[in-house]
């Protein structure tokens, strides 16, 4: 898929999505840039000088998806897109014991269900042509679990499994499915995630100290994070490579972390993460069982 193509890209109003839209447009592709914030998309289109078409889309709203697909049909004269990049998503932060059903369902509504509704909507045209490319932007979080971000990680684990199944189910029809797994990069994503911690934290929370610790960790990780360029390159490669890999991890150093997590005993990984996030009895200032028995 090296010739100019028409690409539908979600989550294009900021961060990795915005940079990817510009990179693909500069490479000669026609990008239909989709997101909720239409003014941001219009500014992006103006910057690209005509190679980007803005498209308002809310993945949580089936009616919005249907309207967006009708517009895609109009833009492409019924041909449909050559590639779909599922980049839109967000992270809900908070201990799972304190997250509401609404928060948990909302996480999956955007990151999984809305994504799959859009994917199924673009597939008929690809199946009719016998060619197409689906690129799902997952995360290394889809292979490395962590506390306080359990809902987000679960949505990415789900996306990994869905992508693997789709890759096998669609291969015979000439449609390739590729996963891109970003690591820690400098974007607005991390700060927005930490803002979610503030929504979850409440007076009397058992995890108040952990939420404070999570914000401190985010600041430290932000200082060590790289720019989004490696992720953008990986997404562009996933879209344009004639024989793409099943997965691309970016930055590449996260391959080492993923491999390390596979070989270390789970108890070791748990202990490291619990200490890192302050999920120990000492950090949480929990009384020992002996103290509890004495008081009772």
C-alpha atoms as a PDB file:
ATOM      1  CA  UNK A   1       0.000   0.000   0.000  1.00  0.00           C
ATOM      2  CA  UNK A   2       2.705   2.452  -1.010  1.00  0.00           C
ATOM      3  CA  UNK A   3       0.679   4.422  -3.582  1.00  0.00           C
ATOM      4  CA  UNK A   4      -1.430   7.414  -2.420  1.00  0.00           C
ATOM      5  CA  UNK A   5      -4.419   6.201  -0.462  1.00  0.00           C
ATOM      6  CA  UNK A   6      -7.459   7.554   1.328  1.00  0.00           C
ATOM      7  CA  UNK A   7      -7.105   7.057   5.066  1.00  0.00           C
ATOM      8  CA  UNK A   8      -9.633   7.556   7.846  1.00  0.00           C
ATOM      9  CA  UNK A   9      -7.842   8.517  11.057  1.00  0.00           C
ATOM     10  CA  UNK A  10      -9.640   8.900  14.400  1.00  0.00           C
ATOM     11  CA  UNK A  11      -8.425  10.955  17.337  1.00  0.00           C
ATOM     12  CA  UNK A  12      -6.802  13.382  14.914  1.00  0.00           C
ATOM     13  CA  UNK A  13      -7.368  16.643  16.765  1.00  0.00           C
ATOM     14  CA  UNK A  14      -4.309  16.439  19.034  1.00  0.00           C
ATOM     15  CA  UNK A  15      -1.200  14.499  20.001  1.00  0.00           C
ATOM     16  CA  UNK A  16      -0.135  11.437  18.060  1.00  0.00           C
ATOM     17  CA  UNK A  17      -3.231  11.552  15.847  1.00  0.00           C
ATOM     18  CA  UNK A  18      -2.586  15.117  14.733  1.00  0.00           C
ATOM     19  CA  UNK A  19       1.093  14.461  13.996  1.00  0.00           C
ATOM     20  CA  UNK A  20       0.205  11.276  12.111  1.00  0.00           C
ATOM     21  CA  UNK A  21      -2.366  13.093   9.973  1.00  0.00           C
ATOM     22  CA  UNK A  22       0.225  15.672   8.945  1.00  0.00           C
ATOM     23  CA  UNK A  23       2.877  13.011   8.239  1.00  0.00           C
ATOM     24  CA  UNK A  24       0.530  11.014   5.998  1.00  0.00           C
ATOM     25  CA  UNK A  25      -0.707  14.138   4.211  1.00  0.00           C
ATOM     26  CA  UNK A  26       2.856  15.240   3.516  1.00  0.00           C
ATOM     27  CA  UNK A  27       3.569  11.770   2.107  1.00  0.00           C
ATOM     28  CA  UNK A  28       0.847  12.318  -0.503  1.00  0.00           C
ATOM     29  CA  UNK A  29      -2.093  10.532   1.091  1.00  0.00           C
ATOM     30  CA  UNK A  30      -5.598  11.922   1.498  1.00  0.00           C
ATOM     31  CA  UNK A  31      -6.409  11.885   5.207  1.00  0.00           C
ATOM     32  CA  UNK A  32      -9.960  12.092   6.523  1.00  0.00           C
ATOM     33  CA  UNK A  33      -9.177  13.363  10.008  1.00  0.00           C
ATOM     34  CA  UNK A  34     -11.888  12.515  12.535  1.00  0.00           C
ATOM     35  CA  UNK A  35     -12.463  13.683  16.091  1.00  0.00           C
ATOM     36  CA  UNK A  36     -15.058  15.354  18.291  1.00  0.00           C
ATOM     37  CA  UNK A  37     -13.494  18.835  18.162  1.00  0.00           C
ATOM     38  CA  UNK A  38     -14.288  20.179  14.697  1.00  0.00           C
ATOM     39  CA  UNK A  39     -12.499  23.571  15.101  1.00  0.00           C
ATOM     40  CA  UNK A  40      -9.227  21.759  15.898  1.00  0.00           C
ATOM     41  CA  UNK A  41      -9.686  19.581  12.818  1.00  0.00           C
ATOM     42  CA  UNK A  42     -10.376  22.590  10.619  1.00  0.00           C
ATOM     43  CA  UNK A  43      -7.160  24.214  11.850  1.00  0.00           C
ATOM     44  CA  UNK A  44      -5.323  20.983  11.057  1.00  0.00           C
ATOM     45  CA  UNK A  45      -6.797  20.875   7.552  1.00  0.00           C
ATOM     46  CA  UNK A  46      -5.737  24.479   6.941  1.00  0.00           C
ATOM     47  CA  UNK A  47      -2.193  23.658   8.030  1.00  0.00           C
ATOM     48  CA  UNK A  48      -2.061  20.687   5.626  1.00  0.00           C
ATOM     49  CA  UNK A  49      -3.151  22.796   2.660  1.00  0.00           C
ATOM     50  CA  UNK A  50      -5.966  20.628   1.332  1.00  0.00           C
ATOM     51  CA  UNK A  51      -4.647  17.101   1.868  1.00  0.00           C
ATOM     52  CA  UNK A  52      -6.706  16.653   5.034  1.00  0.00           C
ATOM     53  CA  UNK A  53     -10.504  16.594   5.209  1.00  0.00           C
ATOM     54  CA  UNK A  54     -11.991  17.260   8.674  1.00  0.00           C
ATOM     55  CA  UNK A  55     -14.752  14.955   9.910  1.00  0.00           C
ATOM     56  CA  UNK A  56     -16.634  15.320  13.175  1.00  0.00           C
ATOM     57  CA  UNK A  57     -17.028  11.978  14.930  1.00  0.00           C
ATOM     58  CA  UNK A  58     -18.052  10.839  18.394  1.00  0.00           C
ATOM     59  CA  UNK A  59     -17.263   7.158  18.868  1.00  0.00           C
ATOM     60  CA  UNK A  60     -19.636   6.965  21.834  1.00  0.00           C
ATOM     61  CA  UNK A  61     -22.606   7.895  19.637  1.00  0.00           C
ATOM     62  CA  UNK A  62     -23.823   5.357  17.035  1.00  0.00           C
ATOM     63  CA  UNK A  63     -25.718   8.120  15.223  1.00  0.00           C
ATOM     64  CA  UNK A  64     -22.500  10.128  14.917  1.00  0.00           C
ATOM     65  CA  UNK A  65     -20.698   7.113  13.497  1.00  0.00           C
ATOM     66  CA  UNK A  66     -23.478   6.542  10.948  1.00  0.00           C
ATOM     67  CA  UNK A  67     -23.437  10.205   9.913  1.00  0.00           C
ATOM     68  CA  UNK A  68     -19.653  10.167   9.617  1.00  0.00           C
ATOM     69  CA  UNK A  69     -19.726   7.077   7.410  1.00  0.00           C
ATOM     70  CA  UNK A  70     -22.335   8.705   5.155  1.00  0.00           C
ATOM     71  CA  UNK A  71     -19.959  11.633   4.785  1.00  0.00           C
ATOM     72  CA  UNK A  72     -17.049   9.279   4.038  1.00  0.00           C
ATOM     73  CA  UNK A  73     -19.134   7.692   1.277  1.00  0.00           C
ATOM     74  CA  UNK A  74     -19.795  11.148  -0.141  1.00  0.00           C
ATOM     75  CA  UNK A  75     -16.132  12.168   0.049  1.00  0.00           C
ATOM     76  CA  UNK A  76     -14.925   8.949  -1.605  1.00  0.00           C
ATOM     77  CA  UNK A  77     -17.814   8.707  -4.109  1.00  0.00           C
ATOM     78  CA  UNK A  78     -18.904   5.436  -2.522  1.00  0.00           C
ATOM     79  CA  UNK A  79     -15.487   3.767  -2.800  1.00  0.00           C
ATOM     80  CA  UNK A  80     -14.743   3.886   0.909  1.00  0.00           C
ATOM     81  CA  UNK A  81     -11.343   4.277   2.526  1.00  0.00           C
ATOM     82  CA  UNK A  82      -8.229   2.258   1.804  1.00  0.00           C
ATOM     83  CA  UNK A  83      -7.136   2.283   5.431  1.00  0.00           C
ATOM     84  CA  UNK A  84      -8.605   2.945   8.852  1.00  0.00           C
ATOM     85  CA  UNK A  85      -6.384   4.063  11.725  1.00  0.00           C
ATOM     86  CA  UNK A  86      -8.183   3.583  15.039  1.00  0.00           C
ATOM     87  CA  UNK A  87      -6.254   6.045  17.160  1.00  0.00           C
ATOM     88  CA  UNK A  88      -8.980   7.675  19.296  1.00  0.00           C
ATOM     89  CA  UNK A  89      -9.096   6.689  22.938  1.00  0.00           C
ATOM     90  CA  UNK A  90      -8.674   7.851  26.507  1.00  0.00           C
ATOM     91  CA  UNK A  91      -7.649   6.495  29.890  1.00  0.00           C
ATOM     92  CA  UNK A  92      -9.780   6.235  32.999  1.00  0.00           C
ATOM     93  CA  UNK A  93      -7.639   6.249  36.123  1.00  0.00           C
ATOM     94  CA  UNK A  94      -8.551   4.981  39.560  1.00  0.00           C
ATOM     95  CA  UNK A  95      -8.530   1.886  41.712  1.00  0.00           C
ATOM     96  CA  UNK A  96     -10.987  -0.650  40.319  1.00  0.00           C
ATOM     97  CA  UNK A  97     -12.674  -1.014  43.716  1.00  0.00           C
ATOM     98  CA  UNK A  98     -13.583   2.689  43.559  1.00  0.00           C
ATOM     99  CA  UNK A  99     -14.526   3.078  39.907  1.00  0.00           C
ATOM    100  CA  UNK A 100     -18.222   3.270  39.115  1.00  0.00           C
ATOM    101  CA  UNK A 101     -19.912   1.031  36.565  1.00  0.00           C
ATOM    102  CA  UNK A 102     -20.411   4.168  34.471  1.00  0.00           C
ATOM    103  CA  UNK A 103     -16.668   4.901  34.448  1.00  0.00           C
ATOM    104  CA  UNK A 104     -15.766   1.331  33.552  1.00  0.00           C
ATOM    105  CA  UNK A 105     -18.383   1.046  30.816  1.00  0.00           C
ATOM    106  CA  UNK A 106     -17.392   4.454  29.447  1.00  0.00           C
ATOM    107  CA  UNK A 107     -13.796   3.286  29.107  1.00  0.00           C
ATOM    108  CA  UNK A 108     -14.840   0.342  26.977  1.00  0.00           C
ATOM    109  CA  UNK A 109     -17.479   2.308  25.073  1.00  0.00           C
ATOM    110  CA  UNK A 110     -14.842   4.474  23.404  1.00  0.00           C
ATOM    111  CA  UNK A 111     -11.750   2.269  23.378  1.00  0.00           C
ATOM    112  CA  UNK A 112     -13.471  -0.977  22.352  1.00  0.00           C
ATOM    113  CA  UNK A 113     -17.138  -0.820  21.339  1.00  0.00           C
ATOM    114  CA  UNK A 114     -17.043   2.455  19.398  1.00  0.00           C
ATOM    115  CA  UNK A 115     -13.827   1.375  17.724  1.00  0.00           C
ATOM    116  CA  UNK A 116     -15.374  -1.910  16.617  1.00  0.00           C
ATOM    117  CA  UNK A 117     -18.562  -0.222  15.371  1.00  0.00           C
ATOM    118  CA  UNK A 118     -16.473   2.041  13.147  1.00  0.00           C
ATOM    119  CA  UNK A 119     -14.289  -0.858  11.995  1.00  0.00           C
ATOM    120  CA  UNK A 120     -17.302  -2.911  10.945  1.00  0.00           C
ATOM    121  CA  UNK A 121     -18.658   0.138   9.111  1.00  0.00           C
ATOM    122  CA  UNK A 122     -15.589   0.494   6.860  1.00  0.00           C
ATOM    123  CA  UNK A 123     -15.195  -3.222   6.162  1.00  0.00           C
ATOM    124  CA  UNK A 124     -17.888  -3.758   3.477  1.00  0.00           C
ATOM    125  CA  UNK A 125     -16.088  -1.505   0.972  1.00  0.00           C
ATOM    126  CA  UNK A 126     -12.742  -3.157   1.736  1.00  0.00           C
ATOM    127  CA  UNK A 127     -14.246  -6.619   1.357  1.00  0.00           C
ATOM    128  CA  UNK A 128     -15.795  -5.637  -1.964  1.00  0.00           C
ATOM    129  CA  UNK A 129     -12.383  -4.487  -3.257  1.00  0.00           C
ATOM    130  CA  UNK A 130     -10.486  -7.375  -1.723  1.00  0.00           C
ATOM    131  CA  UNK A 131      -7.982  -5.004  -0.121  1.00  0.00           C
ATOM    132  CA  UNK A 132      -7.663  -2.763   2.904  1.00  0.00           C
ATOM    133  CA  UNK A 133      -5.711  -1.974   6.033  1.00  0.00           C
ATOM    134  CA  UNK A 134      -6.889  -1.657   9.636  1.00  0.00           C
ATOM    135  CA  UNK A 135      -4.353  -0.141  12.047  1.00  0.00           C
ATOM    136  CA  UNK A 136      -5.312  -0.265  15.715  1.00  0.00           C
ATOM    137  CA  UNK A 137      -3.321   1.993  18.013  1.00  0.00           C
ATOM    138  CA  UNK A 138      -3.147  -0.003  21.216  1.00  0.00           C
ATOM    139  CA  UNK A 139      -0.442   0.503  23.862  1.00  0.00           C
ATOM    140  CA  UNK A 140       2.279  -1.382  25.668  1.00  0.00           C
ATOM    141  CA  UNK A 141      -0.405  -1.227  28.380  1.00  0.00           C
ATOM    142  CA  UNK A 142      -2.130  -3.934  26.375  1.00  0.00           C
ATOM    143  CA  UNK A 143       0.630  -6.320  27.406  1.00  0.00           C
ATOM    144  CA  UNK A 144       1.858  -4.923  30.733  1.00  0.00           C
ATOM    145  CA  UNK A 145      -0.786  -4.525  33.455  1.00  0.00           C
ATOM    146  CA  UNK A 146      -0.520  -1.833  36.121  1.00  0.00           C
ATOM    147  CA  UNK A 147      -2.555  -0.740  39.141  1.00  0.00           C
ATOM    148  CA  UNK A 148      -4.675   2.445  39.153  1.00  0.00           C
ATOM    149  CA  UNK A 149      -4.991   2.172  35.370  1.00  0.00           C
ATOM    150  CA  UNK A 150      -6.685  -1.212  35.355  1.00  0.00           C
ATOM    151  CA  UNK A 151      -9.732  -0.087  33.358  1.00  0.00           C
ATOM    152  CA  UNK A 152      -7.576   1.450  30.633  1.00  0.00           C
ATOM    153  CA  UNK A 153      -5.234  -1.525  30.490  1.00  0.00           C
ATOM    154  CA  UNK A 154      -8.209  -3.893  30.288  1.00  0.00           C
ATOM    155  CA  UNK A 155      -9.559  -1.978  27.282  1.00  0.00           C
ATOM    156  CA  UNK A 156      -6.183  -2.284  25.563  1.00  0.00           C
ATOM    157  CA  UNK A 157      -5.932  -5.993  26.398  1.00  0.00           C
ATOM    158  CA  UNK A 158      -9.330  -6.357  24.737  1.00  0.00           C
ATOM    159  CA  UNK A 159      -8.154  -4.417  21.700  1.00  0.00           C
ATOM    160  CA  UNK A 160      -5.107  -6.676  21.385  1.00  0.00           C
ATOM    161  CA  UNK A 161      -7.293  -9.794  21.359  1.00  0.00           C
ATOM    162  CA  UNK A 162      -9.808  -8.284  18.928  1.00  0.00           C
ATOM    163  CA  UNK A 163      -7.008  -7.222  16.599  1.00  0.00           C
ATOM    164  CA  UNK A 164      -5.399 -10.670  16.643  1.00  0.00           C
ATOM    165  CA  UNK A 165      -8.721 -12.312  15.817  1.00  0.00           C
ATOM    166  CA  UNK A 166      -9.515  -9.778  13.078  1.00  0.00           C
ATOM    167  CA  UNK A 167      -6.085 -10.276  11.524  1.00  0.00           C
ATOM    168  CA  UNK A 168      -6.777 -13.965  11.058  1.00  0.00           C
ATOM    169  CA  UNK A 169     -10.414 -13.564  10.038  1.00  0.00           C
ATOM    170  CA  UNK A 170      -9.732 -10.934   7.353  1.00  0.00           C
ATOM    171  CA  UNK A 171      -6.424 -12.148   5.901  1.00  0.00           C
ATOM    172  CA  UNK A 172      -8.020 -14.338   3.225  1.00  0.00           C
ATOM    173  CA  UNK A 173      -9.980 -11.311   1.971  1.00  0.00           C
ATOM    174  CA  UNK A 174      -6.875  -9.210   1.379  1.00  0.00           C
ATOM    175  CA  UNK A 175      -7.337  -7.025   4.475  1.00  0.00           C
ATOM    176  CA  UNK A 176      -4.380  -6.637   6.814  1.00  0.00           C
ATOM    177  CA  UNK A 177      -4.794  -5.787  10.507  1.00  0.00           C
ATOM    178  CA  UNK A 178      -1.845  -4.223  12.326  1.00  0.00           C
ATOM    179  CA  UNK A 179      -1.328  -3.198  15.946  1.00  0.00           C
ATOM    180  CA  UNK A 180       0.831  -0.245  17.014  1.00  0.00           C
ATOM    181  CA  UNK A 181       1.822  -0.200  20.679  1.00  0.00           C
ATOM    182  CA  UNK A 182       3.087   3.171  21.905  1.00  0.00           C
ATOM    183  CA  UNK A 183       5.123   3.351  25.089  1.00  0.00           C
ATOM    184  CA  UNK A 184       5.637   6.471  27.168  1.00  0.00           C
ATOM    185  CA  UNK A 185       5.684   9.493  24.884  1.00  0.00           C
ATOM    186  CA  UNK A 186       5.273  13.228  25.445  1.00  0.00           C
ATOM    187  CA  UNK A 187       1.697  14.134  24.548  1.00  0.00           C
ATOM    188  CA  UNK A 188      -1.354  15.586  26.290  1.00  0.00           C
ATOM    189  CA  UNK A 189      -2.529  12.026  26.988  1.00  0.00           C
ATOM    190  CA  UNK A 190      -0.666  11.555  30.294  1.00  0.00           C
ATOM    191  CA  UNK A 191      -1.796  14.849  31.796  1.00  0.00           C
ATOM    192  CA  UNK A 192      -5.403  14.144  30.786  1.00  0.00           C
ATOM    193  CA  UNK A 193      -5.117  10.726  32.430  1.00  0.00           C
ATOM    194  CA  UNK A 194      -3.891  12.221  35.694  1.00  0.00           C
ATOM    195  CA  UNK A 195      -6.833  14.610  35.609  1.00  0.00           C
ATOM    196  CA  UNK A 196      -9.012  11.489  35.700  1.00  0.00           C
ATOM    197  CA  UNK A 197      -7.333  10.534  38.985  1.00  0.00           C
ATOM    198  CA  UNK A 198      -8.662  13.735  40.495  1.00  0.00           C
ATOM    199  CA  UNK A 199     -12.193  12.729  39.515  1.00  0.00           C
ATOM    200  CA  UNK A 200     -11.853   9.326  41.129  1.00  0.00           C
ATOM    201  CA  UNK A 201     -10.140  10.426  44.349  1.00  0.00           C
ATOM    202  CA  UNK A 202     -12.559  11.299  47.113  1.00  0.00           C
ATOM    203  CA  UNK A 203     -12.406  12.116  50.781  1.00  0.00           C
ATOM    204  CA  UNK A 204     -11.814   8.995  52.812  1.00  0.00           C
ATOM    205  CA  UNK A 205     -10.477   6.966  49.864  1.00  0.00           C
ATOM    206  CA  UNK A 206      -8.333   4.018  50.876  1.00  0.00           C
ATOM    207  CA  UNK A 207      -6.082   4.881  47.951  1.00  0.00           C
ATOM    208  CA  UNK A 208      -5.608   8.628  48.582  1.00  0.00           C
ATOM    209  CA  UNK A 209      -1.850   8.249  49.038  1.00  0.00           C
ATOM    210  CA  UNK A 210      -1.651   6.047  45.937  1.00  0.00           C
ATOM    211  CA  UNK A 211      -3.383   8.671  43.801  1.00  0.00           C
ATOM    212  CA  UNK A 212      -0.896  11.269  45.010  1.00  0.00           C
ATOM    213  CA  UNK A 213       1.940   8.862  44.241  1.00  0.00           C
ATOM    214  CA  UNK A 214       0.543   8.224  40.748  1.00  0.00           C
ATOM    215  CA  UNK A 215       0.660  11.926  39.955  1.00  0.00           C
ATOM    216  CA  UNK A 216       4.256  12.086  41.136  1.00  0.00           C
ATOM    217  CA  UNK A 217       5.152   9.105  38.951  1.00  0.00           C
ATOM    218  CA  UNK A 218       3.490  10.732  35.943  1.00  0.00           C
ATOM    219  CA  UNK A 219       5.699  13.792  36.392  1.00  0.00           C
ATOM    220  CA  UNK A 220       8.824  11.608  36.580  1.00  0.00           C
ATOM    221  CA  UNK A 221       7.848   9.537  33.535  1.00  0.00           C
ATOM    222  CA  UNK A 222       7.060  12.711  31.590  1.00  0.00           C
ATOM    223  CA  UNK A 223      10.632  13.864  32.123  1.00  0.00           C
ATOM    224  CA  UNK A 224      11.980  10.611  30.676  1.00  0.00           C
ATOM    225  CA  UNK A 225       9.458  10.343  27.839  1.00  0.00           C
ATOM    226  CA  UNK A 226      10.406  10.797  24.208  1.00  0.00           C
ATOM    227  CA  UNK A 227       8.565  12.768  21.564  1.00  0.00           C
ATOM    228  CA  UNK A 228       5.811  11.180  19.488  1.00  0.00           C
ATOM    229  CA  UNK A 229       7.980  10.898  16.352  1.00  0.00           C
ATOM    230  CA  UNK A 230       8.762   7.182  16.783  1.00  0.00           C
ATOM    231  CA  UNK A 231       5.085   6.344  17.215  1.00  0.00           C
ATOM    232  CA  UNK A 232       4.134   8.395  14.153  1.00  0.00           C
ATOM    233  CA  UNK A 233       6.766   6.572  12.098  1.00  0.00           C
ATOM    234  CA  UNK A 234       5.431   3.224  13.319  1.00  0.00           C
ATOM    235  CA  UNK A 235       1.852   4.122  12.371  1.00  0.00           C
ATOM    236  CA  UNK A 236       2.923   5.336   8.931  1.00  0.00           C
ATOM    237  CA  UNK A 237       4.867   2.087   8.431  1.00  0.00           C
ATOM    238  CA  UNK A 238       1.878   0.040   9.586  1.00  0.00           C
ATOM    239  CA  UNK A 239      -0.297   1.763   6.975  1.00  0.00           C
ATOM    240  CA  UNK A 240       2.119   1.791   4.047  1.00  0.00           C
ATOM    241  CA  UNK A 241       4.312  -1.322   4.359  1.00  0.00           C
ATOM    242  CA  UNK A 242       3.583  -3.940   1.708  1.00  0.00           C
ATOM    243  CA  UNK A 243       4.053  -6.712   4.265  1.00  0.00           C
ATOM    244  CA  UNK A 244       3.484  -5.088   7.679  1.00  0.00           C
ATOM    245  CA  UNK A 245       4.404  -6.789  10.929  1.00  0.00           C
ATOM    246  CA  UNK A 246       1.562  -7.908  13.163  1.00  0.00           C
ATOM    247  CA  UNK A 247       2.800  -5.442  15.815  1.00  0.00           C
ATOM    248  CA  UNK A 248       4.999  -2.388  16.058  1.00  0.00           C
ATOM    249  CA  UNK A 249       6.254  -1.194  19.439  1.00  0.00           C
ATOM    250  CA  UNK A 250       7.416   2.412  19.683  1.00  0.00           C
ATOM    251  CA  UNK A 251       9.814   3.546  21.015  1.00  0.00           C
ATOM    252  CA  UNK A 252      11.651   0.286  20.320  1.00  0.00           C
ATOM    253  CA  UNK A 253      13.203   0.144  23.804  1.00  0.00           C
ATOM    254  CA  UNK A 254       9.823  -1.005  25.139  1.00  0.00           C
ATOM    255  CA  UNK A 255      10.402  -4.367  23.428  1.00  0.00           C
ATOM    256  CA  UNK A 256      12.931  -5.000  26.217  1.00  0.00           C
ATOM    257  CA  UNK A 257      10.425  -4.126  28.936  1.00  0.00           C
ATOM    258  CA  UNK A 258       7.774  -6.375  27.414  1.00  0.00           C
ATOM    259  CA  UNK A 259      10.263  -9.260  27.177  1.00  0.00           C
ATOM    260  CA  UNK A 260      11.383  -8.693  30.767  1.00  0.00           C
ATOM    261  CA  UNK A 261       7.825  -8.793  32.051  1.00  0.00           C
ATOM    262  CA  UNK A 262       7.338 -12.138  30.302  1.00  0.00           C
ATOM    263  CA  UNK A 263      10.305 -13.857  31.941  1.00  0.00           C
ATOM    264  CA  UNK A 264      10.056 -12.456  35.459  1.00  0.00           C
ATOM    265  CA  UNK A 265       7.841 -14.352  37.931  1.00  0.00           C
ATOM    266  CA  UNK A 266       4.462 -12.688  38.368  1.00  0.00           C
ATOM    267  CA  UNK A 267       5.069 -12.325  42.107  1.00  0.00           C
ATOM    268  CA  UNK A 268       8.201 -10.267  41.367  1.00  0.00           C
ATOM    269  CA  UNK A 269       6.372  -8.028  38.911  1.00  0.00           C
ATOM    270  CA  UNK A 270       3.537  -7.532  41.410  1.00  0.00           C
ATOM    271  CA  UNK A 271       5.976  -6.651  44.184  1.00  0.00           C
ATOM    272  CA  UNK A 272       7.803  -4.125  42.001  1.00  0.00           C
ATOM    273  CA  UNK A 273       4.598  -2.427  40.921  1.00  0.00           C
ATOM    274  CA  UNK A 274       3.078  -2.409  44.399  1.00  0.00           C
ATOM    275  CA  UNK A 275       6.174  -0.734  45.783  1.00  0.00           C
ATOM    276  CA  UNK A 276       6.329   1.691  42.864  1.00  0.00           C
ATOM    277  CA  UNK A 277       2.722   2.812  43.367  1.00  0.00           C
ATOM    278  CA  UNK A 278       2.791   2.670  47.163  1.00  0.00           C
ATOM    279  CA  UNK A 279       0.412  -0.276  47.417  1.00  0.00           C
ATOM    280  CA  UNK A 280       2.068  -1.766  50.493  1.00  0.00           C
ATOM    281  CA  UNK A 281       0.741  -1.922  54.043  1.00  0.00           C
ATOM    282  CA  UNK A 282       3.427   0.482  55.171  1.00  0.00           C
ATOM    283  CA  UNK A 283       2.698   3.037  52.452  1.00  0.00           C
ATOM    284  CA  UNK A 284      -1.055   2.745  52.954  1.00  0.00           C
ATOM    285  CA  UNK A 285      -0.581   2.945  56.743  1.00  0.00           C
ATOM    286  CA  UNK A 286      -2.651  -0.182  57.304  1.00  0.00           C
ATOM    287  CA  UNK A 287      -2.617  -1.818  60.749  1.00  0.00           C
ATOM    288  CA  UNK A 288      -1.111  -5.270  60.942  1.00  0.00           C
ATOM    289  CA  UNK A 289      -3.452  -8.240  61.555  1.00  0.00           C
ATOM    290  CA  UNK A 290      -1.928  -8.642  65.036  1.00  0.00           C
ATOM    291  CA  UNK A 291      -2.811  -5.042  65.912  1.00  0.00           C
ATOM    292  CA  UNK A 292      -6.364  -5.504  64.675  1.00  0.00           C
ATOM    293  CA  UNK A 293      -6.826  -8.641  66.795  1.00  0.00           C
ATOM    294  CA  UNK A 294      -5.455  -6.878  69.853  1.00  0.00           C
ATOM    295  CA  UNK A 295      -7.882  -3.950  69.494  1.00  0.00           C
ATOM    296  CA  UNK A 296     -10.841  -6.233  68.972  1.00  0.00           C
END
